[in-house]
Amino acid sequence: MSMEVIKEIKSTEGIAEEKIKAAQQQAKDLILQAEDEAEKLISNAVNNEIAKGKQLVESAEKEANKEAELKRQQNQQACDQLRQSAQTKMQQAVKLVMERIVSINGNS
């Protein structure tokens, strides 16, 4: 009987060792799975932040381009007004010079 009990104890120990090994393997698998999921989450978070950053940059560029275009148009209008004013003054100057030439020639 004692041999039988020893065999049963050894069998039970073998089963327990197999269960421990299986549990250890299952724990390793769970850790690897958790690490993979963590890496994916981190990668997704980084990619999302990069995408947000790109969108912010694009938005800022669009806004800057709009503002630059508005400034360009304002400057163009100012230049046109100056050109128009200069043209008017040029015509007045030509007229004045012509009047003086005529008056000098007429008085001689």
PDB file of N, CA and C in Angstrom:
ATOM      1  N   MET A   1       0.778  -1.176   0.000  1.00  0.00           N
ATOM      2  CA  MET A   1       0.000   0.000   0.000  1.00  0.00           C
ATOM      3  C   MET A   1       0.837   1.266   0.000  1.00  0.00           C
ATOM      4  N   SER A   2       1.909   1.259   0.691  1.00  0.00           N
ATOM      5  CA  SER A   2       2.716   2.453   0.723  1.00  0.00           C
ATOM      6  C   SER A   2       3.321   2.747  -0.641  1.00  0.00           C
ATOM      7  N   MET A   3       3.610   1.736  -1.438  1.00  0.00           N
ATOM      8  CA  MET A   3       4.089   1.938  -2.806  1.00  0.00           C
ATOM      9  C   MET A   3       3.010   2.579  -3.647  1.00  0.00           C
ATOM     10  N   GLU A   4       1.836   2.125  -3.443  1.00  0.00           N
ATOM     11  CA  GLU A   4       0.710   2.680  -4.190  1.00  0.00           C
ATOM     12  C   GLU A   4       0.503   4.159  -3.851  1.00  0.00           C
ATOM     13  N   VAL A   5       0.640   4.504  -2.611  1.00  0.00           N
ATOM     14  CA  VAL A   5       0.478   5.883  -2.161  1.00  0.00           C
ATOM     15  C   VAL A   5       1.607   6.739  -2.728  1.00  0.00           C
ATOM     16  N   ILE A   6       2.825   6.197  -2.729  1.00  0.00           N
ATOM     17  CA  ILE A   6       3.965   6.930  -3.279  1.00  0.00           C
ATOM     18  C   ILE A   6       3.749   7.181  -4.765  1.00  0.00           C
ATOM     19  N   LYS A   7       3.275   6.163  -5.513  1.00  0.00           N
ATOM     20  CA  LYS A   7       3.013   6.329  -6.936  1.00  0.00           C
ATOM     21  C   LYS A   7       1.934   7.386  -7.163  1.00  0.00           C
ATOM     22  N   GLU A   8       0.922   7.362  -6.334  1.00  0.00           N
ATOM     23  CA  GLU A   8      -0.165   8.329  -6.472  1.00  0.00           C
ATOM     24  C   GLU A   8       0.332   9.740  -6.157  1.00  0.00           C
ATOM     25  N   ILE A   9       1.191   9.858  -5.145  1.00  0.00           N
ATOM     26  CA  ILE A   9       1.752  11.167  -4.794  1.00  0.00           C
ATOM     27  C   ILE A   9       2.611  11.683  -5.953  1.00  0.00           C
ATOM     28  N   LYS A  10       3.456  10.789  -6.526  1.00  0.00           N
ATOM     29  CA  LYS A  10       4.304  11.180  -7.640  1.00  0.00           C
ATOM     30  C   LYS A  10       3.453  11.594  -8.838  1.00  0.00           C
ATOM     31  N   SER A  11       2.395  10.848  -9.083  1.00  0.00           N
ATOM     32  CA  SER A  11       1.491  11.171 -10.186  1.00  0.00           C
ATOM     33  C   SER A  11       0.848  12.534  -9.948  1.00  0.00           C
ATOM     34  N   THR A  12       0.418  12.771  -8.731  1.00  0.00           N
ATOM     35  CA  THR A  12      -0.203  14.045  -8.381  1.00  0.00           C
ATOM     36  C   THR A  12       0.819  15.180  -8.506  1.00  0.00           C
ATOM     37  N   GLU A  13       2.073  14.892  -8.070  1.00  0.00           N
ATOM     38  CA  GLU A  13       3.118  15.909  -8.215  1.00  0.00           C
ATOM     39  C   GLU A  13       3.377  16.224  -9.686  1.00  0.00           C
ATOM     40  N   GLY A  14       3.388  15.194 -10.525  1.00  0.00           N
ATOM     41  CA  GLY A  14       3.604  15.385 -11.969  1.00  0.00           C
ATOM     42  C   GLY A  14       2.493  16.226 -12.580  1.00  0.00           C
ATOM     43  N   ILE A  15       1.269  15.922 -12.181  1.00  0.00           N
ATOM     44  CA  ILE A  15       0.130  16.700 -12.678  1.00  0.00           C
ATOM     45  C   ILE A  15       0.235  18.144 -12.207  1.00  0.00           C
ATOM     46  N   ALA A  16       0.625  18.338 -10.957  1.00  0.00           N
ATOM     47  CA  ALA A  16       0.770  19.686 -10.395  1.00  0.00           C
ATOM     48  C   ALA A  16       1.867  20.452 -11.134  1.00  0.00           C
ATOM     49  N   GLU A  17       3.000  19.767 -11.428  1.00  0.00           N
ATOM     50  CA  GLU A  17       4.092  20.417 -12.159  1.00  0.00           C
ATOM     51  C   GLU A  17       3.637  20.808 -13.564  1.00  0.00           C
ATOM     52  N   GLU A  18       2.881  19.966 -14.223  1.00  0.00           N
ATOM     53  CA  GLU A  18       2.365  20.280 -15.562  1.00  0.00           C
ATOM     54  C   GLU A  18       1.424  21.483 -15.504  1.00  0.00           C
ATOM     55  N   LYS A  19       0.572  21.506 -14.476  1.00  0.00           N
ATOM     56  CA  LYS A  19      -0.340  22.644 -14.316  1.00  0.00           C
ATOM     57  C   LYS A  19       0.436  23.927 -14.038  1.00  0.00           C
ATOM     58  N   ILE A  20       1.501  23.830 -13.241  1.00  0.00           N
ATOM     59  CA  ILE A  20       2.331  25.007 -12.943  1.00  0.00           C
ATOM     60  C   ILE A  20       3.008  25.491 -14.219  1.00  0.00           C
ATOM     61  N   LYS A  21       3.578  24.551 -15.004  1.00  0.00           N
ATOM     62  CA  LYS A  21       4.219  24.928 -16.257  1.00  0.00           C
ATOM     63  C   LYS A  21       3.209  25.560 -17.214  1.00  0.00           C
ATOM     64  N   ALA A  22       2.026  24.994 -17.284  1.00  0.00           N
ATOM     65  CA  ALA A  22       0.987  25.539 -18.158  1.00  0.00           C
ATOM     66  C   ALA A  22       0.582  26.932 -17.696  1.00  0.00           C
ATOM     67  N   ALA A  23       0.465  27.112 -16.391  1.00  0.00           N
ATOM     68  CA  ALA A  23       0.095  28.418 -15.848  1.00  0.00           C
ATOM     69  C   ALA A  23       1.201  29.434 -16.112  1.00  0.00           C
ATOM     70  N   GLN A  24       2.463  28.997 -15.968  1.00  0.00           N
ATOM     71  CA  GLN A  24       3.579  29.891 -16.249  1.00  0.00           C
ATOM     72  C   GLN A  24       3.594  30.295 -17.735  1.00  0.00           C
ATOM     73  N   GLN A  25       3.341  29.318 -18.608  1.00  0.00           N
ATOM     74  CA  GLN A  25       3.298  29.617 -20.041  1.00  0.00           C
ATOM     75  C   GLN A  25       2.136  30.552 -20.357  1.00  0.00           C
ATOM     76  N   GLN A  26       1.010  30.290 -19.729  1.00  0.00           N
ATOM     77  CA  GLN A  26      -0.161  31.147 -19.944  1.00  0.00           C
ATOM     78  C   GLN A  26       0.137  32.567 -19.458  1.00  0.00           C
ATOM     79  N   ALA A  27       0.842  32.695 -18.324  1.00  0.00           N
ATOM     80  CA  ALA A  27       1.206  34.010 -17.801  1.00  0.00           C
ATOM     81  C   ALA A  27       2.154  34.721 -18.771  1.00  0.00           C
ATOM     82  N   LYS A  28       3.145  33.977 -19.309  1.00  0.00           N
ATOM     83  CA  LYS A  28       4.060  34.567 -20.288  1.00  0.00           C
ATOM     84  C   LYS A  28       3.300  35.044 -21.525  1.00  0.00           C
ATOM     85  N   ASP A  29       2.367  34.214 -21.999  1.00  0.00           N
ATOM     86  CA  ASP A  29       1.573  34.584 -23.174  1.00  0.00           C
ATOM     87  C   ASP A  29       0.743  35.836 -22.906  1.00  0.00           C
ATOM     88  N   LEU A  30       0.150  35.902 -21.710  1.00  0.00           N
ATOM     89  CA  LEU A  30      -0.638  37.085 -21.346  1.00  0.00           C
ATOM     90  C   LEU A  30       0.231  38.336 -21.281  1.00  0.00           C
ATOM     91  N   ILE A  31       1.434  38.198 -20.743  1.00  0.00           N
ATOM     92  CA  ILE A  31       2.352  39.337 -20.659  1.00  0.00           C
ATOM     93  C   ILE A  31       2.734  39.801 -22.060  1.00  0.00           C
ATOM     94  N   LEU A  32       3.075  38.855 -22.938  1.00  0.00           N
ATOM     95  CA  LEU A  32       3.425  39.214 -24.315  1.00  0.00           C
ATOM     96  C   LEU A  32       2.251  39.900 -25.023  1.00  0.00           C
ATOM     97  N   GLN A  33       1.063  39.372 -24.808  1.00  0.00           N
ATOM     98  CA  GLN A  33      -0.129  39.961 -25.422  1.00  0.00           C
ATOM     99  C   GLN A  33      -0.357  41.377 -24.882  1.00  0.00           C
ATOM    100  N   ALA A  34      -0.195  41.538 -23.581  1.00  0.00           N
ATOM    101  CA  ALA A  34      -0.372  42.856 -22.973  1.00  0.00           C
ATOM    102  C   ALA A  34       0.678  43.839 -23.492  1.00  0.00           C
ATOM    103  N   GLU A  35       1.918  43.378 -23.647  1.00  0.00           N
ATOM    104  CA  GLU A  35       2.972  44.235 -24.186  1.00  0.00           C
ATOM    105  C   GLU A  35       2.664  44.637 -25.622  1.00  0.00           C
ATOM    106  N   ASP A  36       2.195  43.684 -26.424  1.00  0.00           N
ATOM    107  CA  ASP A  36       1.825  43.998 -27.813  1.00  0.00           C
ATOM    108  C   ASP A  36       0.702  45.027 -27.858  1.00  0.00           C
ATOM    109  N   GLU A  37      -0.304  44.826 -27.022  1.00  0.00           N
ATOM    110  CA  GLU A  37      -1.421  45.771 -26.981  1.00  0.00           C
ATOM    111  C   GLU A  37      -0.960  47.149 -26.518  1.00  0.00           C
ATOM    112  N   ALA A  38      -0.058  47.173 -25.546  1.00  0.00           N
ATOM    113  CA  ALA A  38       0.466  48.452 -25.060  1.00  0.00           C
ATOM    114  C   ALA A  38       1.240  49.158 -26.170  1.00  0.00           C
ATOM    115  N   GLU A  39       2.059  48.411 -26.914  1.00  0.00           N
ATOM    116  CA  GLU A  39       2.805  48.999 -28.023  1.00  0.00           C
ATOM    117  C   GLU A  39       1.856  49.562 -29.081  1.00  0.00           C
ATOM    118  N   LYS A  40       0.790  48.823 -29.372  1.00  0.00           N
ATOM    119  CA  LYS A  40      -0.183  49.298 -30.361  1.00  0.00           C
ATOM    120  C   LYS A  40      -0.869  50.569 -29.870  1.00  0.00           C
ATOM    121  N   LEU A  41      -1.244  50.580 -28.596  1.00  0.00           N
ATOM    122  CA  LEU A  41      -1.886  51.768 -28.033  1.00  0.00           C
ATOM    123  C   LEU A  41      -0.958  52.978 -28.075  1.00  0.00           C
ATOM    124  N   ILE A  42       0.291  52.756 -27.713  1.00  0.00           N
ATOM    125  CA  ILE A  42       1.267  53.853 -27.741  1.00  0.00           C
ATOM    126  C   ILE A  42       1.473  54.331 -29.173  1.00  0.00           C
ATOM    127  N   SER A  43       1.619  53.389 -30.082  1.00  0.00           N
ATOM    128  CA  SER A  43       1.817  53.747 -31.495  1.00  0.00           C
ATOM    129  C   SER A  43       0.619  54.521 -32.033  1.00  0.00           C
ATOM    130  N   ASN A  44      -0.574  54.063 -31.703  1.00  0.00           N
ATOM    131  CA  ASN A  44      -1.780  54.769 -32.148  1.00  0.00           C
ATOM    132  C   ASN A  44      -1.852  56.168 -31.556  1.00  0.00           C
ATOM    133  N   ALA A  45      -1.511  56.291 -30.278  1.00  0.00           N
ATOM    134  CA  ALA A  45      -1.543  57.600 -29.625  1.00  0.00           C
ATOM    135  C   ALA A  45      -0.530  58.541 -30.273  1.00  0.00           C
ATOM    136  N   VAL A  46       0.659  58.037 -30.535  1.00  0.00           N
ATOM    137  CA  VAL A  46       1.693  58.858 -31.181  1.00  0.00           C
ATOM    138  C   VAL A  46       1.230  59.273 -32.575  1.00  0.00           C
ATOM    139  N   ASN A  47       0.704  58.310 -33.335  1.00  0.00           N
ATOM    140  CA  ASN A  47       0.236  58.622 -34.690  1.00  0.00           C
ATOM    141  C   ASN A  47      -0.906  59.636 -34.669  1.00  0.00           C
ATOM    142  N   ASN A  48      -1.804  59.497 -33.701  1.00  0.00           N
ATOM    143  CA  ASN A  48      -2.907  60.462 -33.587  1.00  0.00           C
ATOM    144  C   ASN A  48      -2.381  61.858 -33.285  1.00  0.00           C
ATOM    145  N   GLU A  49      -1.417  61.948 -32.386  1.00  0.00           N
ATOM    146  CA  GLU A  49      -0.855  63.254 -32.044  1.00  0.00           C
ATOM    147  C   GLU A  49      -0.087  63.850 -33.221  1.00  0.00           C
ATOM    148  N   ILE A  50       0.605  62.998 -33.963  1.00  0.00           N
ATOM    149  CA  ILE A  50       1.306  63.483 -35.160  1.00  0.00           C
ATOM    150  C   ILE A  50       0.293  64.014 -36.162  1.00  0.00           C
ATOM    151  N   ALA A  51      -0.799  63.269 -36.353  1.00  0.00           N
ATOM    152  CA  ALA A  51      -1.842  63.715 -37.294  1.00  0.00           C
ATOM    153  C   ALA A  51      -2.452  65.037 -36.831  1.00  0.00           C
ATOM    154  N   LYS A  52      -2.702  65.164 -35.530  1.00  0.00           N
ATOM    155  CA  LYS A  52      -3.240  66.424 -34.999  1.00  0.00           C
ATOM    156  C   LYS A  52      -2.260  67.565 -35.238  1.00  0.00           C
ATOM    157  N   GLY A  53      -0.986  67.291 -35.004  1.00  0.00           N
ATOM    158  CA  GLY A  53       0.046  68.305 -35.232  1.00  0.00           C
ATOM    159  C   GLY A  53       0.088  68.738 -36.688  1.00  0.00           C
ATOM    160  N   LYS A  54      -0.001  67.766 -37.594  1.00  0.00           N
ATOM    161  CA  LYS A  54      -0.009  68.091 -39.029  1.00  0.00           C
ATOM    162  C   LYS A  54      -1.226  68.934 -39.379  1.00  0.00           C
ATOM    163  N   GLN A  55      -2.369  68.590 -38.812  1.00  0.00           N
ATOM    164  CA  GLN A  55      -3.584  69.360 -39.082  1.00  0.00           C
ATOM    165  C   GLN A  55      -3.440  70.789 -38.560  1.00  0.00           C
ATOM    166  N   LEU A  56      -2.843  70.931 -37.383  1.00  0.00           N
ATOM    167  CA  LEU A  56      -2.631  72.271 -36.833  1.00  0.00           C
ATOM    168  C   LEU A  56      -1.702  73.083 -37.728  1.00  0.00           C
ATOM    169  N   VAL A  57      -0.644  72.439 -38.206  1.00  0.00           N
ATOM    170  CA  VAL A  57       0.300  73.130 -39.084  1.00  0.00           C
ATOM    171  C   VAL A  57      -0.395  73.522 -40.384  1.00  0.00           C
ATOM    172  N   GLU A  58      -1.150  72.598 -40.969  1.00  0.00           N
ATOM    173  CA  GLU A  58      -1.865  72.898 -42.212  1.00  0.00           C
ATOM    174  C   GLU A  58      -2.863  74.030 -42.001  1.00  0.00           C
ATOM    175  N   SER A  59      -3.565  73.979 -40.903  1.00  0.00           N
ATOM    176  CA  SER A  59      -4.539  75.033 -40.596  1.00  0.00           C
ATOM    177  C   SER A  59      -3.841  76.380 -40.433  1.00  0.00           C
ATOM    178  N   ALA A  60      -2.721  76.374 -39.725  1.00  0.00           N
ATOM    179  CA  ALA A  60      -1.966  77.615 -39.529  1.00  0.00           C
ATOM    180  C   ALA A  60      -1.439  78.141 -40.858  1.00  0.00           C
ATOM    181  N   GLU A  61      -0.975  77.228 -41.723  1.00  0.00           N
ATOM    182  CA  GLU A  61      -0.487  77.638 -43.042  1.00  0.00           C
ATOM    183  C   GLU A  61      -1.607  78.243 -43.877  1.00  0.00           C
ATOM    184  N   LYS A  62      -2.770  77.617 -43.846  1.00  0.00           N
ATOM    185  CA  LYS A  62      -3.909  78.143 -44.600  1.00  0.00           C
ATOM    186  C   LYS A  62      -4.287  79.531 -44.094  1.00  0.00           C
ATOM    187  N   GLU A  63      -4.314  79.669 -42.777  1.00  0.00           N
ATOM    188  CA  GLU A  63      -4.663  80.961 -42.179  1.00  0.00           C
ATOM    189  C   GLU A  63      -3.618  82.011 -42.545  1.00  0.00           C
ATOM    190  N   ALA A  64      -2.357  81.625 -42.489  1.00  0.00           N
ATOM    191  CA  ALA A  64      -1.279  82.555 -42.849  1.00  0.00           C
ATOM    192  C   ALA A  64      -1.372  82.938 -44.323  1.00  0.00           C
ATOM    193  N   ASN A  65      -1.690  81.970 -45.176  1.00  0.00           N
ATOM    194  CA  ASN A  65      -1.836  82.263 -46.607  1.00  0.00           C
ATOM    195  C   ASN A  65      -3.008  83.208 -46.856  1.00  0.00           C
ATOM    196  N   LYS A  66      -4.112  82.996 -46.144  1.00  0.00           N
ATOM    197  CA  LYS A  66      -5.263  83.895 -46.286  1.00  0.00           C
ATOM    198  C   LYS A  66      -4.884  85.306 -45.867  1.00  0.00           C
ATOM    199  N   GLU A  67      -4.192  85.393 -44.730  1.00  0.00           N
ATOM    200  CA  GLU A  67      -3.791  86.703 -44.221  1.00  0.00           C
ATOM    201  C   GLU A  67      -2.797  87.365 -45.168  1.00  0.00           C
ATOM    202  N   ALA A  68      -1.868  86.581 -45.697  1.00  0.00           N
ATOM    203  CA  ALA A  68      -0.889  87.119 -46.644  1.00  0.00           C
ATOM    204  C   ALA A  68      -1.580  87.621 -47.904  1.00  0.00           C
ATOM    205  N   GLU A  69      -2.557  86.870 -48.384  1.00  0.00           N
ATOM    206  CA  GLU A  69      -3.303  87.283 -49.582  1.00  0.00           C
ATOM    207  C   GLU A  69      -4.073  88.571 -49.307  1.00  0.00           C
ATOM    208  N   LEU A  70      -4.678  88.658 -48.142  1.00  0.00           N
ATOM    209  CA  LEU A  70      -5.408  89.867 -47.772  1.00  0.00           C
ATOM    210  C   LEU A  70      -4.452  91.059 -47.728  1.00  0.00           C
ATOM    211  N   LYS A  71      -3.282  90.865 -47.104  1.00  0.00           N
ATOM    212  CA  LYS A  71      -2.285  91.940 -47.041  1.00  0.00           C
ATOM    213  C   LYS A  71      -1.808  92.311 -48.440  1.00  0.00           C
ATOM    214  N   ARG A  72      -1.616  91.314 -49.287  1.00  0.00           N
ATOM    215  CA  ARG A  72      -1.174  91.578 -50.657  1.00  0.00           C
ATOM    216  C   ARG A  72      -2.222  92.416 -51.393  1.00  0.00           C
ATOM    217  N   GLN A  73      -3.478  92.051 -51.221  1.00  0.00           N
ATOM    218  CA  GLN A  73      -4.552  92.811 -51.869  1.00  0.00           C
ATOM    219  C   GLN A  73      -4.601  94.243 -51.328  1.00  0.00           C
ATOM    220  N   GLN A  74      -4.445  94.397 -50.030  1.00  0.00           N
ATOM    221  CA  GLN A  74      -4.449  95.736 -49.438  1.00  0.00           C
ATOM    222  C   GLN A  74      -3.278  96.559 -49.969  1.00  0.00           C
ATOM    223  N   ASN A  75      -2.122  95.923 -50.048  1.00  0.00           N
ATOM    224  CA  ASN A  75      -0.944  96.619 -50.580  1.00  0.00           C
ATOM    225  C   ASN A  75      -1.142  96.981 -52.054  1.00  0.00           C
ATOM    226  N   GLN A  76      -1.751  96.081 -52.802  1.00  0.00           N
ATOM    227  CA  GLN A  76      -2.020  96.351 -54.215  1.00  0.00           C
ATOM    228  C   GLN A  76      -2.963  97.546 -54.354  1.00  0.00           C
ATOM    229  N   GLN A  77      -3.976  97.591 -53.502  1.00  0.00           N
ATOM    230  CA  GLN A  77      -4.907  98.720 -53.544  1.00  0.00           C
ATOM    231  C   GLN A  77      -4.188 100.022 -53.184  1.00  0.00           C
ATOM    232  N   ALA A  78      -3.332  99.966 -52.180  1.00  0.00           N
ATOM    233  CA  ALA A  78      -2.576 101.159 -51.782  1.00  0.00           C
ATOM    234  C   ALA A  78      -1.664 101.609 -52.921  1.00  0.00           C
ATOM    235  N   CYS A  79      -1.011 100.651 -53.578  1.00  0.00           N
ATOM    236  CA  CYS A  79      -0.144 100.984 -54.721  1.00  0.00           C
ATOM    237  C   CYS A  79      -0.965 101.587 -55.853  1.00  0.00           C
ATOM    238  N   ASP A  80      -2.122 101.017 -56.124  1.00  0.00           N
ATOM    239  CA  ASP A  80      -2.987 101.549 -57.182  1.00  0.00           C
ATOM    240  C   ASP A  80      -3.408 102.977 -56.866  1.00  0.00           C
ATOM    241  N   GLN A  81      -3.752 103.226 -55.611  1.00  0.00           N
ATOM    242  CA  GLN A  81      -4.147 104.584 -55.210  1.00  0.00           C
ATOM    243  C   GLN A  81      -2.984 105.554 -55.362  1.00  0.00           C
ATOM    244  N   LEU A  82      -1.787 105.133 -54.944  1.00  0.00           N
ATOM    245  CA  LEU A  82      -0.605 105.984 -55.099  1.00  0.00           C
ATOM    246  C   LEU A  82      -0.316 106.256 -56.574  1.00  0.00           C
ATOM    247  N   ARG A  83      -0.443 105.214 -57.381  1.00  0.00           N
ATOM    248  CA  ARG A  83      -0.215 105.350 -58.814  1.00  0.00           C
ATOM    249  C   ARG A  83      -1.217 106.339 -59.414  1.00  0.00           C
ATOM    250  N   GLN A  84      -2.459 106.185 -59.011  1.00  0.00           N
ATOM    251  CA  GLN A  84      -3.516 107.063 -59.514  1.00  0.00           C
ATOM    252  C   GLN A  84      -3.269 108.506 -59.061  1.00  0.00           C
ATOM    253  N   SER A  85      -2.887 108.668 -57.802  1.00  0.00           N
ATOM    254  CA  SER A  85      -2.595 109.999 -57.279  1.00  0.00           C
ATOM    255  C   SER A  85      -1.398 110.603 -58.015  1.00  0.00           C
ATOM    256  N   ALA A  86      -0.371 109.794 -58.231  1.00  0.00           N
ATOM    257  CA  ALA A  86       0.812 110.269 -58.947  1.00  0.00           C
ATOM    258  C   ALA A  86       0.459 110.657 -60.375  1.00  0.00           C
ATOM    259  N   GLN A  87      -0.404 109.868 -60.992  1.00  0.00           N
ATOM    260  CA  GLN A  87      -0.822 110.164 -62.369  1.00  0.00           C
ATOM    261  C   GLN A  87      -1.562 111.499 -62.415  1.00  0.00           C
ATOM    262  N   THR A  88      -2.443 111.719 -61.458  1.00  0.00           N
ATOM    263  CA  THR A  88      -3.192 112.980 -61.402  1.00  0.00           C
ATOM    264  C   THR A  88      -2.237 114.147 -61.198  1.00  0.00           C
ATOM    265  N   LYS A  89      -1.296 113.988 -60.271  1.00  0.00           N
ATOM    266  CA  LYS A  89      -0.335 115.050 -60.008  1.00  0.00           C
ATOM    267  C   LYS A  89       0.574 115.278 -61.212  1.00  0.00           C
ATOM    268  N   MET A  90       0.909 114.214 -61.916  1.00  0.00           N
ATOM    269  CA  MET A  90       1.739 114.337 -63.110  1.00  0.00           C
ATOM    270  C   MET A  90       1.000 115.149 -64.163  1.00  0.00           C
ATOM    271  N   GLN A  91      -0.283 114.864 -64.346  1.00  0.00           N
ATOM    272  CA  GLN A  91      -1.076 115.610 -65.319  1.00  0.00           C
ATOM    273  C   GLN A  91      -1.157 117.087 -64.922  1.00  0.00           C
ATOM    274  N   GLN A  92      -1.331 117.328 -63.632  1.00  0.00           N
ATOM    275  CA  GLN A  92      -1.385 118.712 -63.161  1.00  0.00           C
ATOM    276  C   GLN A  92      -0.038 119.401 -63.391  1.00  0.00           C
ATOM    277  N   ALA A  93       1.059 118.678 -63.126  1.00  0.00           N
ATOM    278  CA  ALA A  93       2.394 119.248 -63.318  1.00  0.00           C
ATOM    279  C   ALA A  93       2.638 119.556 -64.787  1.00  0.00           C
ATOM    280  N   VAL A  94       2.256 118.651 -65.669  1.00  0.00           N
ATOM    281  CA  VAL A  94       2.413 118.871 -67.109  1.00  0.00           C
ATOM    282  C   VAL A  94       1.606 120.084 -67.526  1.00  0.00           C
ATOM    283  N   LYS A  95       0.397 120.175 -67.032  1.00  0.00           N
ATOM    284  CA  LYS A  95      -0.470 121.308 -67.367  1.00  0.00           C
ATOM    285  C   LYS A  95       0.159 122.609 -66.877  1.00  0.00           C
ATOM    286  N   LEU A  96       0.690 122.594 -65.656  1.00  0.00           N
ATOM    287  CA  LEU A  96       1.315 123.776 -65.099  1.00  0.00           C
ATOM    288  C   LEU A  96       2.543 124.189 -65.921  1.00  0.00           C
ATOM    289  N   VAL A  97       3.365 123.216 -66.271  1.00  0.00           N
ATOM    290  CA  VAL A  97       4.560 123.489 -67.077  1.00  0.00           C
ATOM    291  C   VAL A  97       4.148 124.042 -68.429  1.00  0.00           C
ATOM    292  N   MET A  98       3.145 123.448 -69.034  1.00  0.00           N
ATOM    293  CA  MET A  98       2.674 123.916 -70.345  1.00  0.00           C
ATOM    294  C   MET A  98       2.153 125.346 -70.240  1.00  0.00           C
ATOM    295  N   GLU A  99       1.431 125.648 -69.181  1.00  0.00           N
ATOM    296  CA  GLU A  99       0.906 127.007 -68.996  1.00  0.00           C
ATOM    297  C   GLU A  99       2.057 128.001 -68.843  1.00  0.00           C
ATOM    298  N   ARG A 100       3.074 127.625 -68.114  1.00  0.00           N
ATOM    299  CA  ARG A 100       4.220 128.528 -67.925  1.00  0.00           C
ATOM    300  C   ARG A 100       4.979 128.716 -69.231  1.00  0.00           C
ATOM    301  N   ILE A 101       5.130 127.636 -69.980  1.00  0.00           N
ATOM    302  CA  ILE A 101       5.817 127.744 -71.266  1.00  0.00           C
ATOM    303  C   ILE A 101       5.036 128.675 -72.180  1.00  0.00           C
ATOM    304  N   VAL A 102       3.725 128.458 -72.213  1.00  0.00           N
ATOM    305  CA  VAL A 102       2.893 129.286 -73.081  1.00  0.00           C
ATOM    306  C   VAL A 102       2.932 130.731 -72.591  1.00  0.00           C
ATOM    307  N   SER A 103       2.861 130.959 -71.286  1.00  0.00           N
ATOM    308  CA  SER A 103       2.856 132.318 -70.773  1.00  0.00           C
ATOM    309  C   SER A 103       4.219 132.980 -70.982  1.00  0.00           C
ATOM    310  N   ILE A 104       5.309 132.219 -70.897  1.00  0.00           N
ATOM    311  CA  ILE A 104       6.637 132.783 -71.147  1.00  0.00           C
ATOM    312  C   ILE A 104       6.761 133.132 -72.621  1.00  0.00           C
ATOM    313  N   ASN A 105       6.324 132.256 -73.495  1.00  0.00           N
ATOM    314  CA  ASN A 105       6.397 132.505 -74.930  1.00  0.00           C
ATOM    315  C   ASN A 105       5.445 133.615 -75.347  1.00  0.00           C
ATOM    316  N   GLY A 106       4.321 133.696 -74.675  1.00  0.00           N
ATOM    317  CA  GLY A 106       3.346 134.710 -75.007  1.00  0.00           C
ATOM    318  C   GLY A 106       3.773 136.074 -74.556  1.00  0.00           C
ATOM    319  N   ASN A 107       4.529 136.182 -73.482  1.00  0.00           N
ATOM    320  CA  ASN A 107       4.965 137.448 -72.929  1.00  0.00           C
ATOM    321  C   ASN A 107       6.229 137.968 -73.589  1.00  0.00           C
ATOM    322  N   SER A 108       6.897 137.210 -74.336  1.00  0.00           N
ATOM    323  CA  SER A 108       8.158 137.637 -74.916  1.00  0.00           C
ATOM    324  C   SER A 108       8.015 138.616 -75.993  1.00  0.00           C
TER     325      SER A 108
END
